[in-house]
Amino acid sequence: MLGLIMDLAKLMPEIEFIGESGTDSILPYAMETKEDVEIARIRQMGAVTTTVVGMIADYLTSCEVREDEVLLKEDGHPLTIGDVKSKISLWLAERGAADVEGTIFAIGRDAGIPHSVGTPEDLITLGKTIVFDIFPAEKGGGYFYDFTRTWSLGYATPEAQAYYDQVQEIYNKVVENLDLNASFKDYHRMTCEYFESKGHKSQLNTKNPLDGYVHTLGHGLGLNVHERPWSGLQASEDNILKPGVVITIEPGLYYPNEGMGFRIEDSYRVSPDGTIELLAEYPYDFVIEMKKWRK
């Protein structure tokens, strides 16, 4: 790109080329709102994403289960995180999508570390929380989608179910209260206040918490998986839910030392008429029933 600009400068000496970078660049602001054709492409990626998530759910629940509650592949060997991620990449590619930045499929302790992509050798086991955060892009470069579900195969412990219910409760509360031209960070603050009322740490009163609610509520989505508007407590006041933005809503709780983590995430569009539109639907079941196992 730099070479092209230099060649253009030689051909058109009367034009001054000025570079922009960092927080003062106009590009993040220009990319913040999307036209209908862009929304259609993001929506299509959402359809691909939820299709593949459904295929993974069907594959997992169809597996045989060993006596120690480890899932087995067709050849009788234990099913691993690496095996599942290989299928995710293949099934995305077959549908015109690319796993550009690395899908998160993490179980147990890794599920309690928000940015752990999962350990390839970890075994898929019943009753452990699985965070499945998938954010593919159009093959060859293009628009992203961003989506997360948390599963516990076969059954869940009472503690895990209670944590998940709290994440789902604040997710629903935030979505129900999203409003045109509202400040995005107000919803992050709402989420912090809710989780702290339940006894969890958050960024509201703890600097860089290592457990509890440790990240921001969401972000913009488009040609980058993370872009404006931002929801952090320090975000500027111009990060608002204006018409044309696409945002993620993704509250979560993380307890690596307890071997569990939870996140629910969907992507939403703020329509020109001010309505908030979910771009791809998928069930929110936490406990996923196994087809060949009974507790």
C-alpha atoms as a PDB file:
ATOM      1  CA  MET A   1       0.000   0.000   0.000  1.00  0.00           C
ATOM      2  CA  LEU A   2       2.821   2.428   0.841  1.00  0.00           C
ATOM      3  CA  GLY A   3       4.475   1.755  -2.516  1.00  0.00           C
ATOM      4  CA  LEU A   4       1.210   2.491  -4.331  1.00  0.00           C
ATOM      5  CA  ILE A   5       0.828   5.792  -2.501  1.00  0.00           C
ATOM      6  CA  MET A   6       4.404   6.794  -3.357  1.00  0.00           C
ATOM      7  CA  ASP A   7       3.786   6.030  -7.041  1.00  0.00           C
ATOM      8  CA  LEU A   8       0.604   8.087  -6.994  1.00  0.00           C
ATOM      9  CA  ALA A   9       2.455  10.979  -5.381  1.00  0.00           C
ATOM     10  CA  LYS A  10       4.996  10.959  -8.224  1.00  0.00           C
ATOM     11  CA  LEU A  11       2.246  10.891 -10.852  1.00  0.00           C
ATOM     12  CA  MET A  12       0.212  13.638  -9.153  1.00  0.00           C
ATOM     13  CA  PRO A  13       2.686  16.035  -7.492  1.00  0.00           C
ATOM     14  CA  GLU A  14      -0.025  18.658  -7.117  1.00  0.00           C
ATOM     15  CA  ILE A  15      -1.828  16.469  -4.565  1.00  0.00           C
ATOM     16  CA  GLU A  16      -0.597  16.217  -0.988  1.00  0.00           C
ATOM     17  CA  PHE A  17      -1.056  12.767   0.589  1.00  0.00           C
ATOM     18  CA  ILE A  18      -1.521  12.901   4.374  1.00  0.00           C
ATOM     19  CA  GLY A  19      -1.412   9.791   6.541  1.00  0.00           C
ATOM     20  CA  GLU A  20      -3.580   9.221   9.577  1.00  0.00           C
ATOM     21  CA  SER A  21      -3.038   6.839  12.446  1.00  0.00           C
ATOM     22  CA  GLY A  22      -3.935   6.259  16.068  1.00  0.00           C
ATOM     23  CA  THR A  23      -6.980   7.568  17.894  1.00  0.00           C
ATOM     24  CA  ASP A  24      -7.214  10.728  15.758  1.00  0.00           C
ATOM     25  CA  SER A  25      -7.812   8.795  12.534  1.00  0.00           C
ATOM     26  CA  ILE A  26     -11.099   9.436  10.791  1.00  0.00           C
ATOM     27  CA  LEU A  27     -11.327   5.833   9.547  1.00  0.00           C
ATOM     28  CA  PRO A  28     -12.694   4.233  12.749  1.00  0.00           C
ATOM     29  CA  TYR A  29     -15.449   6.832  12.807  1.00  0.00           C
ATOM     30  CA  ALA A  30     -16.236   6.352   9.117  1.00  0.00           C
ATOM     31  CA  MET A  31     -16.419   2.558   9.596  1.00  0.00           C
ATOM     32  CA  GLU A  32     -18.637   2.789  12.664  1.00  0.00           C
ATOM     33  CA  THR A  33     -21.975   2.931  10.842  1.00  0.00           C
ATOM     34  CA  LYS A  34     -22.995   0.395   8.220  1.00  0.00           C
ATOM     35  CA  GLU A  35     -25.188   0.631   5.140  1.00  0.00           C
ATOM     36  CA  ASP A  36     -27.824  -1.980   4.278  1.00  0.00           C
ATOM     37  CA  VAL A  37     -25.481  -3.885   1.960  1.00  0.00           C
ATOM     38  CA  GLU A  38     -22.933  -4.187   4.771  1.00  0.00           C
ATOM     39  CA  ILE A  39     -25.599  -5.317   7.233  1.00  0.00           C
ATOM     40  CA  ALA A  40     -26.676  -7.993   4.747  1.00  0.00           C
ATOM     41  CA  ARG A  41     -23.133  -9.371   4.617  1.00  0.00           C
ATOM     42  CA  ILE A  42     -22.805  -9.388   8.413  1.00  0.00           C
ATOM     43  CA  ARG A  43     -26.199 -11.064   8.661  1.00  0.00           C
ATOM     44  CA  GLN A  44     -25.053 -13.743   6.203  1.00  0.00           C
ATOM     45  CA  MET A  45     -21.987 -14.385   8.328  1.00  0.00           C
ATOM     46  CA  GLY A  46     -24.329 -14.718  11.294  1.00  0.00           C
ATOM     47  CA  ALA A  47     -26.303 -17.369   9.433  1.00  0.00           C
ATOM     48  CA  VAL A  48     -23.105 -19.286   8.638  1.00  0.00           C
ATOM     49  CA  THR A  49     -21.914 -18.937  12.224  1.00  0.00           C
ATOM     50  CA  THR A  50     -25.077 -20.264  13.837  1.00  0.00           C
ATOM     51  CA  THR A  51     -25.289 -23.090  11.298  1.00  0.00           C
ATOM     52  CA  VAL A  52     -21.806 -24.282  12.246  1.00  0.00           C
ATOM     53  CA  VAL A  53     -22.521 -23.876  15.960  1.00  0.00           C
ATOM     54  CA  GLY A  54     -25.588 -26.063  15.505  1.00  0.00           C
ATOM     55  CA  MET A  55     -23.528 -28.660  13.658  1.00  0.00           C
ATOM     56  CA  ILE A  56     -21.001 -28.741  16.496  1.00  0.00           C
ATOM     57  CA  ALA A  57     -23.780 -29.133  19.063  1.00  0.00           C
ATOM     58  CA  ASP A  58     -25.268 -32.017  17.080  1.00  0.00           C
ATOM     59  CA  TYR A  59     -21.866 -33.663  16.691  1.00  0.00           C
ATOM     60  CA  LEU A  60     -21.019 -33.425  20.401  1.00  0.00           C
ATOM     61  CA  THR A  61     -24.373 -34.679  21.612  1.00  0.00           C
ATOM     62  CA  SER A  62     -24.184 -37.657  19.242  1.00  0.00           C
ATOM     63  CA  CYS A  63     -20.885 -38.922  20.661  1.00  0.00           C
ATOM     64  CA  GLU A  64     -20.531 -42.056  22.751  1.00  0.00           C
ATOM     65  CA  VAL A  65     -19.517 -41.384  26.361  1.00  0.00           C
ATOM     66  CA  ARG A  66     -16.867 -43.322  28.264  1.00  0.00           C
ATOM     67  CA  GLU A  67     -17.413 -44.422  31.883  1.00  0.00           C
ATOM     68  CA  ASP A  68     -15.337 -41.470  33.113  1.00  0.00           C
ATOM     69  CA  GLU A  69     -17.682 -39.127  31.180  1.00  0.00           C
ATOM     70  CA  VAL A  70     -15.186 -38.369  28.399  1.00  0.00           C
ATOM     71  CA  LEU A  71     -16.671 -38.137  24.905  1.00  0.00           C
ATOM     72  CA  LEU A  72     -15.403 -40.540  22.254  1.00  0.00           C
ATOM     73  CA  LYS A  73     -14.788 -40.082  18.531  1.00  0.00           C
ATOM     74  CA  GLU A  74     -16.062 -42.527  15.952  1.00  0.00           C
ATOM     75  CA  ASP A  75     -12.792 -44.493  16.207  1.00  0.00           C
ATOM     76  CA  GLY A  76     -13.159 -44.899  19.974  1.00  0.00           C
ATOM     77  CA  HIS A  77     -10.422 -42.436  20.893  1.00  0.00           C
ATOM     78  CA  PRO A  78     -11.152 -39.552  23.295  1.00  0.00           C
ATOM     79  CA  LEU A  79     -12.487 -36.377  21.709  1.00  0.00           C
ATOM     80  CA  THR A  80     -10.280 -33.339  22.277  1.00  0.00           C
ATOM     81  CA  ILE A  81     -10.577 -29.571  21.937  1.00  0.00           C
ATOM     82  CA  GLY A  82      -8.254 -29.816  18.942  1.00  0.00           C
ATOM     83  CA  ASP A  83     -10.550 -32.314  17.227  1.00  0.00           C
ATOM     84  CA  VAL A  84     -13.557 -30.022  17.647  1.00  0.00           C
ATOM     85  CA  LYS A  85     -11.711 -26.942  16.427  1.00  0.00           C
ATOM     86  CA  SER A  86     -10.623 -28.801  13.296  1.00  0.00           C
ATOM     87  CA  LYS A  87     -14.259 -29.488  12.495  1.00  0.00           C
ATOM     88  CA  ILE A  88     -15.184 -25.857  13.160  1.00  0.00           C
ATOM     89  CA  SER A  89     -12.538 -24.608  10.707  1.00  0.00           C
ATOM     90  CA  LEU A  90     -13.544 -27.145   8.058  1.00  0.00           C
ATOM     91  CA  TRP A  91     -17.270 -26.475   8.324  1.00  0.00           C
ATOM     92  CA  LEU A  92     -16.732 -22.710   8.201  1.00  0.00           C
ATOM     93  CA  ALA A  93     -14.534 -23.007   5.110  1.00  0.00           C
ATOM     94  CA  GLU A  94     -17.133 -25.151   3.358  1.00  0.00           C
ATOM     95  CA  ARG A  95     -19.593 -22.274   3.832  1.00  0.00           C
ATOM     96  CA  GLY A  96     -17.412 -19.449   2.608  1.00  0.00           C
ATOM     97  CA  ALA A  97     -16.122 -18.305   5.983  1.00  0.00           C
ATOM     98  CA  ALA A  98     -12.670 -18.237   7.523  1.00  0.00           C
ATOM     99  CA  ASP A  99     -11.504 -18.728  11.111  1.00  0.00           C
ATOM    100  CA  VAL A 100      -9.288 -15.649  10.795  1.00  0.00           C
ATOM    101  CA  GLU A 101      -8.379 -14.927  14.410  1.00  0.00           C
ATOM    102  CA  GLY A 102      -8.831 -18.290  16.087  1.00  0.00           C
ATOM    103  CA  THR A 103     -12.086 -19.615  17.510  1.00  0.00           C
ATOM    104  CA  ILE A 104     -12.338 -19.928  21.284  1.00  0.00           C
ATOM    105  CA  PHE A 105     -13.445 -23.396  22.322  1.00  0.00           C
ATOM    106  CA  ALA A 106     -12.355 -23.798  25.921  1.00  0.00           C
ATOM    107  CA  ILE A 107     -13.384 -26.195  28.677  1.00  0.00           C
ATOM    108  CA  GLY A 108     -13.028 -26.193  32.446  1.00  0.00           C
ATOM    109  CA  ARG A 109     -10.290 -23.927  33.767  1.00  0.00           C
ATOM    110  CA  ASP A 110      -9.613 -22.529  30.297  1.00  0.00           C
ATOM    111  CA  ALA A 111     -13.270 -21.505  30.064  1.00  0.00           C
ATOM    112  CA  GLY A 112     -12.590 -19.319  33.096  1.00  0.00           C
ATOM    113  CA  ILE A 113      -9.870 -17.387  31.247  1.00  0.00           C
ATOM    114  CA  PRO A 114     -11.697 -15.061  28.815  1.00  0.00           C
ATOM    115  CA  HIS A 115      -9.114 -15.050  26.035  1.00  0.00           C
ATOM    116  CA  SER A 116      -7.954 -18.641  26.311  1.00  0.00           C
ATOM    117  CA  VAL A 117      -8.639 -20.247  22.948  1.00  0.00           C
ATOM    118  CA  GLY A 118      -8.609 -23.679  24.602  1.00  0.00           C
ATOM    119  CA  THR A 119      -5.892 -26.302  25.035  1.00  0.00           C
ATOM    120  CA  PRO A 120      -5.884 -28.678  22.023  1.00  0.00           C
ATOM    121  CA  GLU A 121      -5.179 -31.751  24.160  1.00  0.00           C
ATOM    122  CA  ASP A 122      -7.975 -31.128  26.681  1.00  0.00           C
ATOM    123  CA  LEU A 123     -10.626 -33.840  26.647  1.00  0.00           C
ATOM    124  CA  ILE A 124     -14.286 -33.042  26.052  1.00  0.00           C
ATOM    125  CA  THR A 125     -15.986 -34.137  29.255  1.00  0.00           C
ATOM    126  CA  LEU A 126     -19.531 -34.068  30.559  1.00  0.00           C
ATOM    127  CA  GLY A 127     -20.494 -31.564  33.247  1.00  0.00           C
ATOM    128  CA  LYS A 128     -17.733 -29.033  32.555  1.00  0.00           C
ATOM    129  CA  THR A 129     -18.447 -25.568  31.210  1.00  0.00           C
ATOM    130  CA  ILE A 130     -17.476 -24.951  27.599  1.00  0.00           C
ATOM    131  CA  VAL A 131     -17.159 -21.400  26.285  1.00  0.00           C
ATOM    132  CA  PHE A 132     -17.639 -21.413  22.498  1.00  0.00           C
ATOM    133  CA  ASP A 133     -16.794 -17.966  21.115  1.00  0.00           C
ATOM    134  CA  ILE A 134     -16.748 -17.988  17.321  1.00  0.00           C
ATOM    135  CA  PHE A 135     -15.967 -14.907  15.200  1.00  0.00           C
ATOM    136  CA  PRO A 136     -15.441 -15.865  11.555  1.00  0.00           C
ATOM    137  CA  ALA A 137     -15.063 -13.511   8.600  1.00  0.00           C
ATOM    138  CA  GLU A 138     -15.923 -13.750   4.943  1.00  0.00           C
ATOM    139  CA  LYS A 139     -13.312 -15.856   3.174  1.00  0.00           C
ATOM    140  CA  GLY A 140     -10.710 -13.696   1.456  1.00  0.00           C
ATOM    141  CA  GLY A 141     -11.316 -10.747   3.781  1.00  0.00           C
ATOM    142  CA  GLY A 142     -14.509  -8.983   4.669  1.00  0.00           C
ATOM    143  CA  TYR A 143     -17.102  -8.710   7.381  1.00  0.00           C
ATOM    144  CA  PHE A 144     -17.013 -10.553  10.701  1.00  0.00           C
ATOM    145  CA  TYR A 145     -19.666 -12.004  12.933  1.00  0.00           C
ATOM    146  CA  ASP A 146     -19.232 -12.503  16.696  1.00  0.00           C
ATOM    147  CA  PHE A 147     -21.154 -15.022  18.782  1.00  0.00           C
ATOM    148  CA  THR A 148     -20.731 -16.978  22.028  1.00  0.00           C
ATOM    149  CA  ARG A 149     -22.598 -19.704  23.835  1.00  0.00           C
ATOM    150  CA  THR A 150     -21.702 -21.553  27.013  1.00  0.00           C
ATOM    151  CA  TRP A 151     -22.545 -25.233  27.263  1.00  0.00           C
ATOM    152  CA  SER A 152     -22.349 -27.977  29.848  1.00  0.00           C
ATOM    153  CA  LEU A 153     -22.800 -31.362  28.215  1.00  0.00           C
ATOM    154  CA  GLY A 154     -25.162 -33.811  29.879  1.00  0.00           C
ATOM    155  CA  TYR A 155     -25.583 -31.977  33.158  1.00  0.00           C
ATOM    156  CA  ALA A 156     -24.322 -28.998  35.145  1.00  0.00           C
ATOM    157  CA  THR A 157     -23.333 -28.563  38.762  1.00  0.00           C
ATOM    158  CA  PRO A 158     -25.651 -26.376  40.871  1.00  0.00           C
ATOM    159  CA  GLU A 159     -22.894 -23.759  41.176  1.00  0.00           C
ATOM    160  CA  ALA A 160     -22.365 -23.599  37.425  1.00  0.00           C
ATOM    161  CA  GLN A 161     -26.103 -23.358  36.771  1.00  0.00           C
ATOM    162  CA  ALA A 162     -26.418 -20.481  39.253  1.00  0.00           C
ATOM    163  CA  TYR A 163     -23.599 -18.530  37.608  1.00  0.00           C
ATOM    164  CA  TYR A 164     -25.012 -19.134  34.145  1.00  0.00           C
ATOM    165  CA  ASP A 165     -28.451 -17.970  35.240  1.00  0.00           C
ATOM    166  CA  GLN A 166     -26.929 -14.693  36.446  1.00  0.00           C
ATOM    167  CA  VAL A 167     -25.154 -14.128  33.126  1.00  0.00           C
ATOM    168  CA  GLN A 168     -28.374 -14.819  31.241  1.00  0.00           C
ATOM    169  CA  GLU A 169     -30.362 -12.526  33.548  1.00  0.00           C
ATOM    170  CA  ILE A 170     -28.133  -9.495  32.969  1.00  0.00           C
ATOM    171  CA  TYR A 171     -27.850 -10.287  29.266  1.00  0.00           C
ATOM    172  CA  ASN A 172     -31.644 -10.154  28.995  1.00  0.00           C
ATOM    173  CA  LYS A 173     -31.838  -6.996  31.087  1.00  0.00           C
ATOM    174  CA  VAL A 174     -29.298  -5.181  28.921  1.00  0.00           C
ATOM    175  CA  VAL A 175     -30.932  -6.231  25.654  1.00  0.00           C
ATOM    176  CA  GLU A 176     -34.377  -5.220  26.876  1.00  0.00           C
ATOM    177  CA  ASN A 177     -33.074  -1.740  27.762  1.00  0.00           C
ATOM    178  CA  LEU A 178     -30.973  -0.933  24.680  1.00  0.00           C
ATOM    179  CA  ASP A 179     -32.054   2.438  23.356  1.00  0.00           C
ATOM    180  CA  LEU A 180     -31.291   4.625  20.353  1.00  0.00           C
ATOM    181  CA  ASN A 181     -28.454   7.120  20.915  1.00  0.00           C
ATOM    182  CA  ALA A 182     -27.787   5.839  24.430  1.00  0.00           C
ATOM    183  CA  SER A 183     -24.212   5.778  25.697  1.00  0.00           C
ATOM    184  CA  PHE A 184     -22.789   2.294  25.214  1.00  0.00           C
ATOM    185  CA  LYS A 185     -20.769   2.465  28.431  1.00  0.00           C
ATOM    186  CA  ASP A 186     -23.930   3.004  30.487  1.00  0.00           C
ATOM    187  CA  TYR A 187     -24.865  -0.612  29.755  1.00  0.00           C
ATOM    188  CA  HIS A 188     -21.434  -1.808  30.803  1.00  0.00           C
ATOM    189  CA  ARG A 189     -21.878   0.088  34.070  1.00  0.00           C
ATOM    190  CA  MET A 190     -25.315  -1.524  34.481  1.00  0.00           C
ATOM    191  CA  THR A 191     -23.690  -4.932  34.030  1.00  0.00           C
ATOM    192  CA  CYS A 192     -20.947  -4.174  36.553  1.00  0.00           C
ATOM    193  CA  GLU A 193     -23.492  -3.011  39.121  1.00  0.00           C
ATOM    194  CA  TYR A 194     -25.596  -6.130  38.615  1.00  0.00           C
ATOM    195  CA  PHE A 195     -22.697  -8.550  39.016  1.00  0.00           C
ATOM    196  CA  GLU A 196     -21.372  -6.714  42.072  1.00  0.00           C
ATOM    197  CA  SER A 197     -24.838  -6.970  43.636  1.00  0.00           C
ATOM    198  CA  LYS A 198     -24.423 -10.740  43.273  1.00  0.00           C
ATOM    199  CA  GLY A 199     -21.030 -10.729  45.002  1.00  0.00           C
ATOM    200  CA  HIS A 200     -18.737 -10.754  41.957  1.00  0.00           C
ATOM    201  CA  LYS A 201     -15.835  -8.428  41.228  1.00  0.00           C
ATOM    202  CA  SER A 202     -16.000  -6.049  38.287  1.00  0.00           C
ATOM    203  CA  GLN A 203     -14.038  -3.161  36.821  1.00  0.00           C
ATOM    204  CA  LEU A 204     -16.341  -0.785  38.661  1.00  0.00           C
ATOM    205  CA  ASN A 205     -14.517  -1.225  41.963  1.00  0.00           C
ATOM    206  CA  THR A 206     -11.562  -3.518  41.187  1.00  0.00           C
ATOM    207  CA  LYS A 207      -8.664  -2.645  38.918  1.00  0.00           C
ATOM    208  CA  ASN A 208      -8.015  -5.473  36.446  1.00  0.00           C
ATOM    209  CA  PRO A 209      -9.989  -8.186  38.263  1.00  0.00           C
ATOM    210  CA  LEU A 210      -8.775 -11.731  37.631  1.00  0.00           C
ATOM    211  CA  ASP A 211     -12.129 -13.371  38.337  1.00  0.00           C
ATOM    212  CA  GLY A 212     -15.751 -12.342  38.290  1.00  0.00           C
ATOM    213  CA  TYR A 213     -16.760  -9.970  35.478  1.00  0.00           C
ATOM    214  CA  VAL A 214     -13.410  -9.045  33.983  1.00  0.00           C
ATOM    215  CA  HIS A 215     -14.049  -7.481  30.561  1.00  0.00           C
ATOM    216  CA  THR A 216     -16.298  -4.875  28.974  1.00  0.00           C
ATOM    217  CA  LEU A 217     -19.834  -5.523  27.796  1.00  0.00           C
ATOM    218  CA  GLY A 218     -19.275  -5.321  24.054  1.00  0.00           C
ATOM    219  CA  HIS A 219     -17.863  -3.528  21.048  1.00  0.00           C
ATOM    220  CA  GLY A 220     -18.598  -2.545  17.489  1.00  0.00           C
ATOM    221  CA  LEU A 221     -18.371  -5.107  14.701  1.00  0.00           C
ATOM    222  CA  GLY A 222     -17.712  -4.888  10.969  1.00  0.00           C
ATOM    223  CA  LEU A 223     -14.582  -5.218   8.858  1.00  0.00           C
ATOM    224  CA  ASN A 224     -12.796  -5.678  12.191  1.00  0.00           C
ATOM    225  CA  VAL A 225     -13.973  -8.019  14.892  1.00  0.00           C
ATOM    226  CA  HIS A 226     -13.390  -5.204  17.409  1.00  0.00           C
ATOM    227  CA  GLU A 227     -14.161  -1.610  16.448  1.00  0.00           C
ATOM    228  CA  ARG A 228     -16.182   1.433  17.491  1.00  0.00           C
ATOM    229  CA  PRO A 229     -18.359   1.968  19.410  1.00  0.00           C
ATOM    230  CA  TRP A 230     -16.629   0.919  22.653  1.00  0.00           C
ATOM    231  CA  SER A 231     -18.387   0.166  25.941  1.00  0.00           C
ATOM    232  CA  GLY A 232     -15.589   0.498  28.524  1.00  0.00           C
ATOM    233  CA  LEU A 233     -16.027   2.791  31.496  1.00  0.00           C
ATOM    234  CA  GLN A 234     -13.352   5.098  30.090  1.00  0.00           C
ATOM    235  CA  ALA A 235     -14.869   5.249  26.591  1.00  0.00           C
ATOM    236  CA  SER A 236     -15.565   8.742  25.254  1.00  0.00           C
ATOM    237  CA  GLU A 237     -19.104  10.074  25.238  1.00  0.00           C
ATOM    238  CA  ASP A 238     -19.382   9.748  21.456  1.00  0.00           C
ATOM    239  CA  ASN A 239     -19.535   5.955  21.682  1.00  0.00           C
ATOM    240  CA  ILE A 240     -23.304   5.800  21.344  1.00  0.00           C
ATOM    241  CA  LEU A 241     -25.900   3.461  19.873  1.00  0.00           C
ATOM    242  CA  LYS A 242     -26.635   5.565  16.818  1.00  0.00           C
ATOM    243  CA  PRO A 243     -28.397   4.295  13.692  1.00  0.00           C
ATOM    244  CA  GLY A 244     -26.218   2.026  11.589  1.00  0.00           C
ATOM    245  CA  VAL A 245     -23.885   0.666  14.259  1.00  0.00           C
ATOM    246  CA  VAL A 246     -23.479  -3.071  14.839  1.00  0.00           C
ATOM    247  CA  ILE A 247     -22.564  -4.061  18.381  1.00  0.00           C
ATOM    248  CA  THR A 248     -21.974  -7.154  20.455  1.00  0.00           C
ATOM    249  CA  ILE A 249     -23.530  -7.746  23.858  1.00  0.00           C
ATOM    250  CA  GLU A 250     -21.451 -10.275  25.811  1.00  0.00           C
ATOM    251  CA  PRO A 251     -21.616 -10.366  29.621  1.00  0.00           C
ATOM    252  CA  GLY A 252     -19.680 -13.123  31.348  1.00  0.00           C
ATOM    253  CA  LEU A 253     -18.362 -14.550  34.592  1.00  0.00           C
ATOM    254  CA  TYR A 254     -14.974 -16.224  34.998  1.00  0.00           C
ATOM    255  CA  TYR A 255     -13.670 -18.430  37.784  1.00  0.00           C
ATOM    256  CA  PRO A 256     -10.612 -20.348  36.533  1.00  0.00           C
ATOM    257  CA  ASN A 257      -9.731 -21.662  39.988  1.00  0.00           C
ATOM    258  CA  GLU A 258     -13.199 -23.179  40.187  1.00  0.00           C
ATOM    259  CA  GLY A 259     -12.766 -24.673  36.704  1.00  0.00           C
ATOM    260  CA  MET A 260     -15.560 -22.743  35.044  1.00  0.00           C
ATOM    261  CA  GLY A 261     -16.415 -19.732  32.911  1.00  0.00           C
ATOM    262  CA  PHE A 262     -19.540 -18.360  31.239  1.00  0.00           C
ATOM    263  CA  ARG A 263     -20.339 -15.949  28.420  1.00  0.00           C
ATOM    264  CA  ILE A 264     -23.377 -15.224  26.266  1.00  0.00           C
ATOM    265  CA  GLU A 265     -22.848 -13.101  23.155  1.00  0.00           C
ATOM    266  CA  ASP A 266     -24.928 -11.961  20.231  1.00  0.00           C
ATOM    267  CA  SER A 267     -24.516  -9.260  17.598  1.00  0.00           C
ATOM    268  CA  TYR A 268     -27.125  -6.517  17.162  1.00  0.00           C
ATOM    269  CA  ARG A 269     -27.846  -3.789  14.663  1.00  0.00           C
ATOM    270  CA  VAL A 270     -29.233  -0.369  15.537  1.00  0.00           C
ATOM    271  CA  SER A 271     -31.698   0.191  12.704  1.00  0.00           C
ATOM    272  CA  PRO A 272     -32.404   3.607  11.124  1.00  0.00           C
ATOM    273  CA  ASP A 273     -35.784   3.693  12.891  1.00  0.00           C
ATOM    274  CA  GLY A 274     -34.076   3.115  16.245  1.00  0.00           C
ATOM    275  CA  THR A 275     -35.052  -0.510  16.759  1.00  0.00           C
ATOM    276  CA  ILE A 276     -32.399  -2.913  18.018  1.00  0.00           C
ATOM    277  CA  GLU A 277     -32.237  -5.994  15.794  1.00  0.00           C
ATOM    278  CA  LEU A 278     -30.685  -9.354  16.609  1.00  0.00           C
ATOM    279  CA  LEU A 279     -28.765 -10.424  13.503  1.00  0.00           C
ATOM    280  CA  ALA A 280     -28.791 -14.199  14.051  1.00  0.00           C
ATOM    281  CA  GLU A 281     -30.884 -16.301  16.398  1.00  0.00           C
ATOM    282  CA  TYR A 282     -29.712 -19.351  18.315  1.00  0.00           C
ATOM    283  CA  PRO A 283     -30.990 -21.063  21.507  1.00  0.00           C
ATOM    284  CA  TYR A 284     -29.533 -20.177  24.907  1.00  0.00           C
ATOM    285  CA  ASP A 285     -29.581 -23.665  26.429  1.00  0.00           C
ATOM    286  CA  PHE A 286     -26.790 -24.174  28.934  1.00  0.00           C
ATOM    287  CA  VAL A 287     -27.174 -27.890  29.625  1.00  0.00           C
ATOM    288  CA  ILE A 288     -27.039 -29.770  26.327  1.00  0.00           C
ATOM    289  CA  GLU A 289     -28.679 -33.203  26.472  1.00  0.00           C
ATOM    290  CA  MET A 290     -26.594 -36.097  25.219  1.00  0.00           C
ATOM    291  CA  LYS A 291     -28.317 -38.513  22.853  1.00  0.00           C
ATOM    292  CA  LYS A 292     -26.421 -41.653  23.905  1.00  0.00           C
ATOM    293  CA  TRP A 293     -25.939 -41.071  27.641  1.00  0.00           C
ATOM    294  CA  ARG A 294     -28.171 -40.957  30.669  1.00  0.00           C
ATOM    295  CA  LYS A 295     -26.984 -39.824  34.089  1.00  0.00           C
END
